[in-house]
Amino acid sequence: MADFRLFNTLSGSKEVFTPSDPQRITMYVCGPTVYNYAHIGNARPVVVFDCLFRLLRAQYPTVVYARNITDIDDKIIQAALERSCGIETVSEEFTAKVS
C-alpha cells in the first residue's frame, strides 16, 4: 500500500496518514447548518469527504463515516426570530430540503 498523505493544519504540512486502528477508520464530518437553502459551501464538504471516504475504503477494511445536520445554531435562532417562529420550524423545514 502506497503512503497516503493528508494536510495537517496543526503542523502546516502534508503528513503520512497513520491510523490508530488500521482495521477500523472513523470519520466524523460536520454537515449543513439548516437555517436556509443549501449553497455551494454546503456542497463542498459532501464532495470532498465522500472522495476521502472512497479512497480510505479502497485501502482499509472498515471505514465508518458519520455526518451530522446542525439543527441549533446562532444562524438558525436568527432566522427563527426574523420569521417569528420557533427554531424547530426553521430546522425541520430546511432539514427536509437537504435530506
PDB file of N, CA and C in Angstrom:
ATOM      1  N   MET A   1       0.847  -1.167   0.000  1.00  0.00           N
ATOM      2  CA  MET A   1       0.000   0.000   0.000  1.00  0.00           C
ATOM      3  C   MET A   1       0.902   1.242   0.000  1.00  0.00           C
ATOM      4  N   ALA A   2       0.616   2.164  -0.907  1.00  0.00           N
ATOM      5  CA  ALA A   2       1.405   3.386  -1.006  1.00  0.00           C
ATOM      6  C   ALA A   2       1.081   4.321   0.151  1.00  0.00           C
ATOM      7  N   ASP A   3       2.060   5.178   0.485  1.00  0.00           N
ATOM      8  CA  ASP A   3       1.807   6.175   1.524  1.00  0.00           C
ATOM      9  C   ASP A   3       0.652   7.073   1.106  1.00  0.00           C
ATOM     10  N   PHE A   4      -0.187   7.366   2.053  1.00  0.00           N
ATOM     11  CA  PHE A   4      -1.340   8.230   1.855  1.00  0.00           C
ATOM     12  C   PHE A   4      -1.092   9.465   2.712  1.00  0.00           C
ATOM     13  N   ARG A   5      -1.011  10.624   2.087  1.00  0.00           N
ATOM     14  CA  ARG A   5      -0.674  11.850   2.811  1.00  0.00           C
ATOM     15  C   ARG A   5      -1.870  12.792   2.876  1.00  0.00           C
ATOM     16  N   LEU A   6      -2.035  13.408   4.048  1.00  0.00           N
ATOM     17  CA  LEU A   6      -3.067  14.418   4.262  1.00  0.00           C
ATOM     18  C   LEU A   6      -2.411  15.675   4.809  1.00  0.00           C
ATOM     19  N   PHE A   7      -3.027  16.815   4.545  1.00  0.00           N
ATOM     20  CA  PHE A   7      -2.520  18.072   5.073  1.00  0.00           C
ATOM     21  C   PHE A   7      -2.942  18.207   6.526  1.00  0.00           C
ATOM     22  N   ASN A   8      -1.969  18.401   7.405  1.00  0.00           N
ATOM     23  CA  ASN A   8      -2.209  18.596   8.828  1.00  0.00           C
ATOM     24  C   ASN A   8      -2.201  20.094   9.090  1.00  0.00           C
ATOM     25  N   THR A   9      -3.370  20.657   9.413  1.00  0.00           N
ATOM     26  CA  THR A   9      -3.450  22.100   9.636  1.00  0.00           C
ATOM     27  C   THR A   9      -2.660  22.535  10.871  1.00  0.00           C
ATOM     28  N   LEU A  10      -2.468  21.633  11.834  1.00  0.00           N
ATOM     29  CA  LEU A  10      -1.711  21.972  13.029  1.00  0.00           C
ATOM     30  C   LEU A  10      -0.228  22.174  12.705  1.00  0.00           C
ATOM     31  N   SER A  11       0.346  21.251  11.923  1.00  0.00           N
ATOM     32  CA  SER A  11       1.768  21.357  11.586  1.00  0.00           C
ATOM     33  C   SER A  11       2.007  22.200  10.330  1.00  0.00           C
ATOM     34  N   GLY A  12       0.947  22.368   9.525  1.00  0.00           N
ATOM     35  CA  GLY A  12       1.093  23.146   8.288  1.00  0.00           C
ATOM     36  C   GLY A  12       1.783  22.385   7.179  1.00  0.00           C
ATOM     37  N   SER A  13       1.795  21.034   7.267  1.00  0.00           N
ATOM     38  CA  SER A  13       2.464  20.252   6.235  1.00  0.00           C
ATOM     39  C   SER A  13       1.692  18.972   5.930  1.00  0.00           C
ATOM     40  N   LYS A  14       2.038  18.372   4.789  1.00  0.00           N
ATOM     41  CA  LYS A  14       1.456  17.073   4.442  1.00  0.00           C
ATOM     42  C   LYS A  14       2.168  16.005   5.254  1.00  0.00           C
ATOM     43  N   GLU A  15       1.371  15.089   5.808  1.00  0.00           N
ATOM     44  CA  GLU A  15       1.946  14.021   6.617  1.00  0.00           C
ATOM     45  C   GLU A  15       1.336  12.688   6.212  1.00  0.00           C
ATOM     46  N   VAL A  16       2.096  11.624   6.395  1.00  0.00           N
ATOM     47  CA  VAL A  16       1.602  10.283   6.100  1.00  0.00           C
ATOM     48  C   VAL A  16       0.460   9.971   7.061  1.00  0.00           C
ATOM     49  N   PHE A  17      -0.644   9.488   6.511  1.00  0.00           N
ATOM     50  CA  PHE A  17      -1.796   9.088   7.316  1.00  0.00           C
ATOM     51  C   PHE A  17      -1.480   7.743   7.949  1.00  0.00           C
ATOM     52  N   THR A  18      -1.474   7.721   9.278  1.00  0.00           N
ATOM     53  CA  THR A  18      -1.223   6.501  10.027  1.00  0.00           C
ATOM     54  C   THR A  18      -2.378   6.305  10.999  1.00  0.00           C
ATOM     55  N   PRO A  19      -3.331   5.441  10.656  1.00  0.00           N
ATOM     56  CA  PRO A  19      -4.488   5.264  11.536  1.00  0.00           C
ATOM     57  C   PRO A  19      -4.114   4.588  12.836  1.00  0.00           C
ATOM     58  N   SER A  20      -4.809   4.968  13.910  1.00  0.00           N
ATOM     59  CA  SER A  20      -4.561   4.315  15.196  1.00  0.00           C
ATOM     60  C   SER A  20      -5.046   2.870  15.161  1.00  0.00           C
ATOM     61  N   ASP A  21      -6.067   2.590  14.351  1.00  0.00           N
ATOM     62  CA  ASP A  21      -6.572   1.230  14.172  1.00  0.00           C
ATOM     63  C   ASP A  21      -6.779   0.987  12.675  1.00  0.00           C
ATOM     64  N   PRO A  22      -5.841   0.372  11.998  1.00  0.00           N
ATOM     65  CA  PRO A  22      -5.957   0.144  10.551  1.00  0.00           C
ATOM     66  C   PRO A  22      -7.141  -0.747  10.154  1.00  0.00           C
ATOM     67  N   GLN A  23      -7.725  -1.450  11.120  1.00  0.00           N
ATOM     68  CA  GLN A  23      -8.873  -2.313  10.820  1.00  0.00           C
ATOM     69  C   GLN A  23     -10.196  -1.549  10.850  1.00  0.00           C
ATOM     70  N   ARG A  24     -10.194  -0.333  11.429  1.00  0.00           N
ATOM     71  CA  ARG A  24     -11.441   0.438  11.534  1.00  0.00           C
ATOM     72  C   ARG A  24     -11.114   1.929  11.550  1.00  0.00           C
ATOM     73  N   ILE A  25     -11.304   2.566  10.415  1.00  0.00           N
ATOM     74  CA  ILE A  25     -11.087   4.004  10.283  1.00  0.00           C
ATOM     75  C   ILE A  25     -12.421   4.692  10.567  1.00  0.00           C
ATOM     76  N   THR A  26     -12.398   5.759  11.354  1.00  0.00           N
ATOM     77  CA  THR A  26     -13.627   6.506  11.617  1.00  0.00           C
ATOM     78  C   THR A  26     -13.472   7.953  11.162  1.00  0.00           C
ATOM     79  N   MET A  27     -14.545   8.461  10.547  1.00  0.00           N
ATOM     80  CA  MET A  27     -14.582   9.854  10.084  1.00  0.00           C
ATOM     81  C   MET A  27     -15.849  10.502  10.623  1.00  0.00           C
ATOM     82  N   TYR A  28     -15.709  11.686  11.172  1.00  0.00           N
ATOM     83  CA  TYR A  28     -16.865  12.476  11.555  1.00  0.00           C
ATOM     84  C   TYR A  28     -16.745  13.818  10.851  1.00  0.00           C
ATOM     85  N   VAL A  29     -17.795  14.211  10.130  1.00  0.00           N
ATOM     86  CA  VAL A  29     -17.781  15.442   9.352  1.00  0.00           C
ATOM     87  C   VAL A  29     -19.012  16.268   9.700  1.00  0.00           C
ATOM     88  N   CYS A  30     -18.804  17.533   9.980  1.00  0.00           N
ATOM     89  CA  CYS A  30     -19.944  18.411  10.237  1.00  0.00           C
ATOM     90  C   CYS A  30     -20.734  18.610   8.942  1.00  0.00           C
ATOM     91  N   GLY A  31     -22.028  18.448   9.048  1.00  0.00           N
ATOM     92  CA  GLY A  31     -22.910  18.651   7.903  1.00  0.00           C
ATOM     93  C   GLY A  31     -23.441  20.070   7.877  1.00  0.00           C
ATOM     94  N   PRO A  32     -24.489  20.300   7.112  1.00  0.00           N
ATOM     95  CA  PRO A  32     -25.011  21.669   6.967  1.00  0.00           C
ATOM     96  C   PRO A  32     -25.709  22.168   8.224  1.00  0.00           C
ATOM     97  N   THR A  33     -25.683  23.478   8.381  1.00  0.00           N
ATOM     98  CA  THR A  33     -26.492  24.154   9.393  1.00  0.00           C
ATOM     99  C   THR A  33     -27.770  24.574   8.683  1.00  0.00           C
ATOM    100  N   VAL A  34     -28.895  24.048   9.128  1.00  0.00           N
ATOM    101  CA  VAL A  34     -30.148  24.148   8.373  1.00  0.00           C
ATOM    102  C   VAL A  34     -30.961  25.383   8.772  1.00  0.00           C
ATOM    103  N   TYR A  35     -30.525  26.528   8.244  1.00  0.00           N
ATOM    104  CA  TYR A  35     -31.226  27.788   8.507  1.00  0.00           C
ATOM    105  C   TYR A  35     -31.752  28.426   7.234  1.00  0.00           C
ATOM    106  N   ASN A  36     -31.339  27.891   6.078  1.00  0.00           N
ATOM    107  CA  ASN A  36     -31.751  28.432   4.784  1.00  0.00           C
ATOM    108  C   ASN A  36     -31.461  27.357   3.740  1.00  0.00           C
ATOM    109  N   TYR A  37     -31.705  27.689   2.470  1.00  0.00           N
ATOM    110  CA  TYR A  37     -31.446  26.734   1.396  1.00  0.00           C
ATOM    111  C   TYR A  37     -29.961  26.385   1.325  1.00  0.00           C
ATOM    112  N   ALA A  38     -29.677  25.195   0.854  1.00  0.00           N
ATOM    113  CA  ALA A  38     -28.289  24.756   0.687  1.00  0.00           C
ATOM    114  C   ALA A  38     -27.598  25.659  -0.342  1.00  0.00           C
ATOM    115  N   HIS A  39     -26.295  25.842  -0.166  1.00  0.00           N
ATOM    116  CA  HIS A  39     -25.499  26.656  -1.082  1.00  0.00           C
ATOM    117  C   HIS A  39     -24.202  25.911  -1.385  1.00  0.00           C
ATOM    118  N   ILE A  40     -23.373  26.486  -2.214  1.00  0.00           N
ATOM    119  CA  ILE A  40     -22.154  25.807  -2.667  1.00  0.00           C
ATOM    120  C   ILE A  40     -21.249  25.450  -1.481  1.00  0.00           C
ATOM    121  N   GLY A  41     -21.269  26.254  -0.438  1.00  0.00           N
ATOM    122  CA  GLY A  41     -20.478  25.943   0.755  1.00  0.00           C
ATOM    123  C   GLY A  41     -20.926  24.665   1.438  1.00  0.00           C
ATOM    124  N   ASN A  42     -22.224  24.336   1.303  1.00  0.00           N
ATOM    125  CA  ASN A  42     -22.727  23.075   1.852  1.00  0.00           C
ATOM    126  C   ASN A  42     -22.309  21.890   0.984  1.00  0.00           C
ATOM    127  N   ALA A  43     -22.148  22.121  -0.304  1.00  0.00           N
ATOM    128  CA  ALA A  43     -21.831  21.033  -1.232  1.00  0.00           C
ATOM    129  C   ALA A  43     -20.367  20.607  -1.159  1.00  0.00           C
ATOM    130  N   ARG A  44     -19.478  21.545  -0.915  1.00  0.00           N
ATOM    131  CA  ARG A  44     -18.050  21.238  -0.914  1.00  0.00           C
ATOM    132  C   ARG A  44     -17.680  20.103   0.048  1.00  0.00           C
ATOM    133  N   PRO A  45     -18.073  20.178   1.331  1.00  0.00           N
ATOM    134  CA  PRO A  45     -17.690  19.076   2.229  1.00  0.00           C
ATOM    135  C   PRO A  45     -18.274  17.732   1.800  1.00  0.00           C
ATOM    136  N   VAL A  46     -19.467  17.736   1.255  1.00  0.00           N
ATOM    137  CA  VAL A  46     -20.078  16.476   0.809  1.00  0.00           C
ATOM    138  C   VAL A  46     -19.195  15.822  -0.250  1.00  0.00           C
ATOM    139  N   VAL A  47     -18.754  16.610  -1.218  1.00  0.00           N
ATOM    140  CA  VAL A  47     -17.923  16.072  -2.302  1.00  0.00           C
ATOM    141  C   VAL A  47     -16.535  15.682  -1.795  1.00  0.00           C
ATOM    142  N   VAL A  48     -15.894  16.582  -1.063  1.00  0.00           N
ATOM    143  CA  VAL A  48     -14.524  16.335  -0.597  1.00  0.00           C
ATOM    144  C   VAL A  48     -14.462  15.101   0.311  1.00  0.00           C
ATOM    145  N   PHE A  49     -15.371  15.041   1.285  1.00  0.00           N
ATOM    146  CA  PHE A  49     -15.284  13.937   2.242  1.00  0.00           C
ATOM    147  C   PHE A  49     -15.831  12.635   1.682  1.00  0.00           C
ATOM    148  N   ASP A  50     -16.707  12.702   0.676  1.00  0.00           N
ATOM    149  CA  ASP A  50     -17.105  11.480   0.003  1.00  0.00           C
ATOM    150  C   ASP A  50     -15.910  10.897  -0.760  1.00  0.00           C
ATOM    151  N   CYS A  51     -15.134  11.758  -1.402  1.00  0.00           N
ATOM    152  CA  CYS A  51     -13.924  11.287  -2.105  1.00  0.00           C
ATOM    153  C   CYS A  51     -12.927  10.686  -1.118  1.00  0.00           C
ATOM    154  N   LEU A  52     -12.726  11.358   0.022  1.00  0.00           N
ATOM    155  CA  LEU A  52     -11.811  10.822   1.033  1.00  0.00           C
ATOM    156  C   LEU A  52     -12.313   9.478   1.553  1.00  0.00           C
ATOM    157  N   PHE A  53     -13.602   9.374   1.832  1.00  0.00           N
ATOM    158  CA  PHE A  53     -14.193   8.118   2.293  1.00  0.00           C
ATOM    159  C   PHE A  53     -13.928   6.994   1.288  1.00  0.00           C
ATOM    160  N   ARG A  54     -14.148   7.257   0.016  1.00  0.00           N
ATOM    161  CA  ARG A  54     -13.942   6.226  -1.018  1.00  0.00           C
ATOM    162  C   ARG A  54     -12.477   5.820  -1.115  1.00  0.00           C
ATOM    163  N   LEU A  55     -11.580   6.784  -0.986  1.00  0.00           N
ATOM    164  CA  LEU A  55     -10.149   6.484  -1.031  1.00  0.00           C
ATOM    165  C   LEU A  55      -9.749   5.619   0.166  1.00  0.00           C
ATOM    166  N   LEU A  56     -10.214   5.985   1.339  1.00  0.00           N
ATOM    167  CA  LEU A  56      -9.909   5.194   2.539  1.00  0.00           C
ATOM    168  C   LEU A  56     -10.505   3.799   2.449  1.00  0.00           C
ATOM    169  N   ARG A  57     -11.741   3.710   1.954  1.00  0.00           N
ATOM    170  CA  ARG A  57     -12.416   2.407   1.844  1.00  0.00           C
ATOM    171  C   ARG A  57     -11.673   1.470   0.891  1.00  0.00           C
ATOM    172  N   ALA A  58     -10.998   2.040  -0.091  1.00  0.00           N
ATOM    173  CA  ALA A  58     -10.232   1.217  -1.034  1.00  0.00           C
ATOM    174  C   ALA A  58      -8.961   0.649  -0.389  1.00  0.00           C
ATOM    175  N   GLN A  59      -8.502   1.268   0.710  1.00  0.00           N
ATOM    176  CA  GLN A  59      -7.244   0.851   1.322  1.00  0.00           C
ATOM    177  C   GLN A  59      -7.404   0.163   2.685  1.00  0.00           C
ATOM    178  N   TYR A  60      -8.548   0.352   3.315  1.00  0.00           N
ATOM    179  CA  TYR A  60      -8.747  -0.197   4.660  1.00  0.00           C
ATOM    180  C   TYR A  60     -10.036  -1.012   4.706  1.00  0.00           C
ATOM    181  N   PRO A  61     -10.084  -2.065   5.549  1.00  0.00           N
ATOM    182  CA  PRO A  61     -11.235  -2.973   5.534  1.00  0.00           C
ATOM    183  C   PRO A  61     -12.549  -2.347   6.012  1.00  0.00           C
ATOM    184  N   THR A  62     -12.504  -1.459   6.986  1.00  0.00           N
ATOM    185  CA  THR A  62     -13.730  -0.865   7.518  1.00  0.00           C
ATOM    186  C   THR A  62     -13.533   0.634   7.686  1.00  0.00           C
ATOM    187  N   VAL A  63     -14.426   1.410   7.065  1.00  0.00           N
ATOM    188  CA  VAL A  63     -14.413   2.859   7.231  1.00  0.00           C
ATOM    189  C   VAL A  63     -15.810   3.277   7.662  1.00  0.00           C
ATOM    190  N   VAL A  64     -15.901   3.892   8.835  1.00  0.00           N
ATOM    191  CA  VAL A  64     -17.169   4.381   9.362  1.00  0.00           C
ATOM    192  C   VAL A  64     -17.203   5.890   9.125  1.00  0.00           C
ATOM    193  N   TYR A  65     -18.247   6.355   8.436  1.00  0.00           N
ATOM    194  CA  TYR A  65     -18.364   7.763   8.052  1.00  0.00           C
ATOM    195  C   TYR A  65     -19.660   8.314   8.629  1.00  0.00           C
ATOM    196  N   ALA A  66     -19.541   9.241   9.565  1.00  0.00           N
ATOM    197  CA  ALA A  66     -20.720   9.871  10.178  1.00  0.00           C
ATOM    198  C   ALA A  66     -20.726  11.355   9.841  1.00  0.00           C
ATOM    199  N   ARG A  67     -21.907  11.850   9.507  1.00  0.00           N
ATOM    200  CA  ARG A  67     -22.069  13.276   9.204  1.00  0.00           C
ATOM    201  C   ARG A  67     -23.343  13.754   9.889  1.00  0.00           C
ATOM    202  N   ASN A  68     -23.300  14.944  10.458  1.00  0.00           N
ATOM    203  CA  ASN A  68     -24.462  15.455  11.173  1.00  0.00           C
ATOM    204  C   ASN A  68     -25.215  16.508  10.370  1.00  0.00           C
ATOM    205  N   ILE A  69     -26.338  16.921  10.901  1.00  0.00           N
ATOM    206  CA  ILE A  69     -27.037  18.126  10.477  1.00  0.00           C
ATOM    207  C   ILE A  69     -27.132  18.994  11.721  1.00  0.00           C
ATOM    208  N   THR A  70     -26.616  20.217  11.642  1.00  0.00           N
ATOM    209  CA  THR A  70     -26.685  21.126  12.785  1.00  0.00           C
ATOM    210  C   THR A  70     -28.055  21.770  12.800  1.00  0.00           C
ATOM    211  N   ASP A  71     -28.838  21.459  13.842  1.00  0.00           N
ATOM    212  CA  ASP A  71     -30.209  21.955  13.886  1.00  0.00           C
ATOM    213  C   ASP A  71     -30.433  22.994  14.975  1.00  0.00           C
ATOM    214  N   ILE A  72     -29.360  23.448  15.621  1.00  0.00           N
ATOM    215  CA  ILE A  72     -29.436  24.578  16.544  1.00  0.00           C
ATOM    216  C   ILE A  72     -28.117  25.337  16.440  1.00  0.00           C
ATOM    217  N   ASP A  73     -28.229  26.640  16.177  1.00  0.00           N
ATOM    218  CA  ASP A  73     -27.061  27.460  15.910  1.00  0.00           C
ATOM    219  C   ASP A  73     -27.526  28.913  15.910  1.00  0.00           C
ATOM    220  N   ASP A  74     -26.605  29.850  16.060  1.00  0.00           N
ATOM    221  CA  ASP A  74     -26.969  31.265  16.037  1.00  0.00           C
ATOM    222  C   ASP A  74     -27.705  31.657  14.753  1.00  0.00           C
ATOM    223  N   LYS A  75     -27.290  31.098  13.618  1.00  0.00           N
ATOM    224  CA  LYS A  75     -27.956  31.437  12.346  1.00  0.00           C
ATOM    225  C   LYS A  75     -29.396  30.934  12.325  1.00  0.00           C
ATOM    226  N   ILE A  76     -29.629  29.783  12.929  1.00  0.00           N
ATOM    227  CA  ILE A  76     -30.990  29.235  12.997  1.00  0.00           C
ATOM    228  C   ILE A  76     -31.842  30.077  13.942  1.00  0.00           C
ATOM    229  N   ILE A  77     -31.281  30.457  15.064  1.00  0.00           N
ATOM    230  CA  ILE A  77     -32.004  31.309  16.011  1.00  0.00           C
ATOM    231  C   ILE A  77     -32.368  32.636  15.346  1.00  0.00           C
ATOM    232  N   GLN A  78     -31.417  33.225  14.624  1.00  0.00           N
ATOM    233  CA  GLN A  78     -31.676  34.496  13.933  1.00  0.00           C
ATOM    234  C   GLN A  78     -32.761  34.328  12.871  1.00  0.00           C
ATOM    235  N   ALA A  79     -32.700  33.244  12.100  1.00  0.00           N
ATOM    236  CA  ALA A  79     -33.721  33.002  11.071  1.00  0.00           C
ATOM    237  C   ALA A  79     -35.099  32.836  11.704  1.00  0.00           C
ATOM    238  N   ALA A  80     -35.168  32.166  12.846  1.00  0.00           N
ATOM    239  CA  ALA A  80     -36.445  31.979  13.538  1.00  0.00           C
ATOM    240  C   ALA A  80     -36.984  33.313  14.045  1.00  0.00           C
ATOM    241  N   LEU A  81     -36.121  34.159  14.580  1.00  0.00           N
ATOM    242  CA  LEU A  81     -36.550  35.480  15.041  1.00  0.00           C
ATOM    243  C   LEU A  81     -37.077  36.319  13.880  1.00  0.00           C
ATOM    244  N   GLU A  82     -36.364  36.289  12.756  1.00  0.00           N
ATOM    245  CA  GLU A  82     -36.788  37.058  11.581  1.00  0.00           C
ATOM    246  C   GLU A  82     -38.119  36.567  11.030  1.00  0.00           C
ATOM    247  N   ARG A  83     -38.390  35.287  11.173  1.00  0.00           N
ATOM    248  CA  ARG A  83     -39.628  34.701  10.650  1.00  0.00           C
ATOM    249  C   ARG A  83     -40.726  34.618  11.715  1.00  0.00           C
ATOM    250  N   SER A  84     -40.405  35.020  12.923  1.00  0.00           N
ATOM    251  CA  SER A  84     -41.346  34.960  14.047  1.00  0.00           C
ATOM    252  C   SER A  84     -41.906  33.555  14.243  1.00  0.00           C
ATOM    253  N   CYS A  85     -40.989  32.596  14.289  1.00  0.00           N
ATOM    254  CA  CYS A  85     -41.393  31.206  14.514  1.00  0.00           C
ATOM    255  C   CYS A  85     -40.367  30.540  15.422  1.00  0.00           C
ATOM    256  N   GLY A  86     -40.628  29.314  15.785  1.00  0.00           N
ATOM    257  CA  GLY A  86     -39.699  28.571  16.624  1.00  0.00           C
ATOM    258  C   GLY A  86     -38.520  28.041  15.822  1.00  0.00           C
ATOM    259  N   ILE A  87     -37.414  27.780  16.522  1.00  0.00           N
ATOM    260  CA  ILE A  87     -36.235  27.253  15.829  1.00  0.00           C
ATOM    261  C   ILE A  87     -36.514  25.892  15.210  1.00  0.00           C
ATOM    262  N   GLU A  88     -37.402  25.105  15.846  1.00  0.00           N
ATOM    263  CA  GLU A  88     -37.713  23.786  15.291  1.00  0.00           C
ATOM    264  C   GLU A  88     -38.397  23.907  13.931  1.00  0.00           C
ATOM    265  N   THR A  89     -39.162  24.964  13.719  1.00  0.00           N
ATOM    266  CA  THR A  89     -39.820  25.178  12.422  1.00  0.00           C
ATOM    267  C   THR A  89     -38.778  25.390  11.328  1.00  0.00           C
ATOM    268  N   VAL A  90     -37.812  26.252  11.616  1.00  0.00           N
ATOM    269  CA  VAL A  90     -36.738  26.521  10.655  1.00  0.00           C
ATOM    270  C   VAL A  90     -35.910  25.260  10.425  1.00  0.00           C
ATOM    271  N   SER A  91     -35.478  24.602  11.499  1.00  0.00           N
ATOM    272  CA  SER A  91     -34.639  23.403  11.387  1.00  0.00           C
ATOM    273  C   SER A  91     -35.332  22.293  10.620  1.00  0.00           C
ATOM    274  N   GLU A  92     -36.588  22.040  10.942  1.00  0.00           N
ATOM    275  CA  GLU A  92     -37.319  20.958  10.268  1.00  0.00           C
ATOM    276  C   GLU A  92     -37.543  21.265   8.791  1.00  0.00           C
ATOM    277  N   GLU A  93     -37.886  22.513   8.473  1.00  0.00           N
ATOM    278  CA  GLU A  93     -38.115  22.889   7.073  1.00  0.00           C
ATOM    279  C   GLU A  93     -36.866  22.670   6.223  1.00  0.00           C
ATOM    280  N   PHE A  94     -35.731  23.170   6.693  1.00  0.00           N
ATOM    281  CA  PHE A  94     -34.525  23.091   5.867  1.00  0.00           C
ATOM    282  C   PHE A  94     -33.810  21.751   5.975  1.00  0.00           C
ATOM    283  N   THR A  95     -34.046  21.007   7.051  1.00  0.00           N
ATOM    284  CA  THR A  95     -33.544  19.626   7.107  1.00  0.00           C
ATOM    285  C   THR A  95     -34.231  18.809   6.021  1.00  0.00           C
ATOM    286  N   ALA A  96     -35.539  18.989   5.856  1.00  0.00           N
ATOM    287  CA  ALA A  96     -36.271  18.253   4.819  1.00  0.00           C
ATOM    288  C   ALA A  96     -35.743  18.605   3.430  1.00  0.00           C
ATOM    289  N   LYS A  97     -35.279  19.822   3.232  1.00  0.00           N
ATOM    290  CA  LYS A  97     -34.797  20.247   1.916  1.00  0.00           C
ATOM    291  C   LYS A  97     -33.404  19.736   1.597  1.00  0.00           C
ATOM    292  N   VAL A  98     -32.605  19.424   2.616  1.00  0.00           N
ATOM    293  CA  VAL A  98     -31.249  18.917   2.351  1.00  0.00           C
ATOM    294  C   VAL A  98     -31.181  17.390   2.454  1.00  0.00           C
ATOM    295  N   SER A  99     -32.248  16.769   2.906  1.00  0.00           N
ATOM    296  CA  SER A  99     -32.216  15.310   3.086  1.00  0.00           C
ATOM    297  C   SER A  99     -32.542  14.579   1.803  1.00  0.00           C
TER     298      SER A  99
END
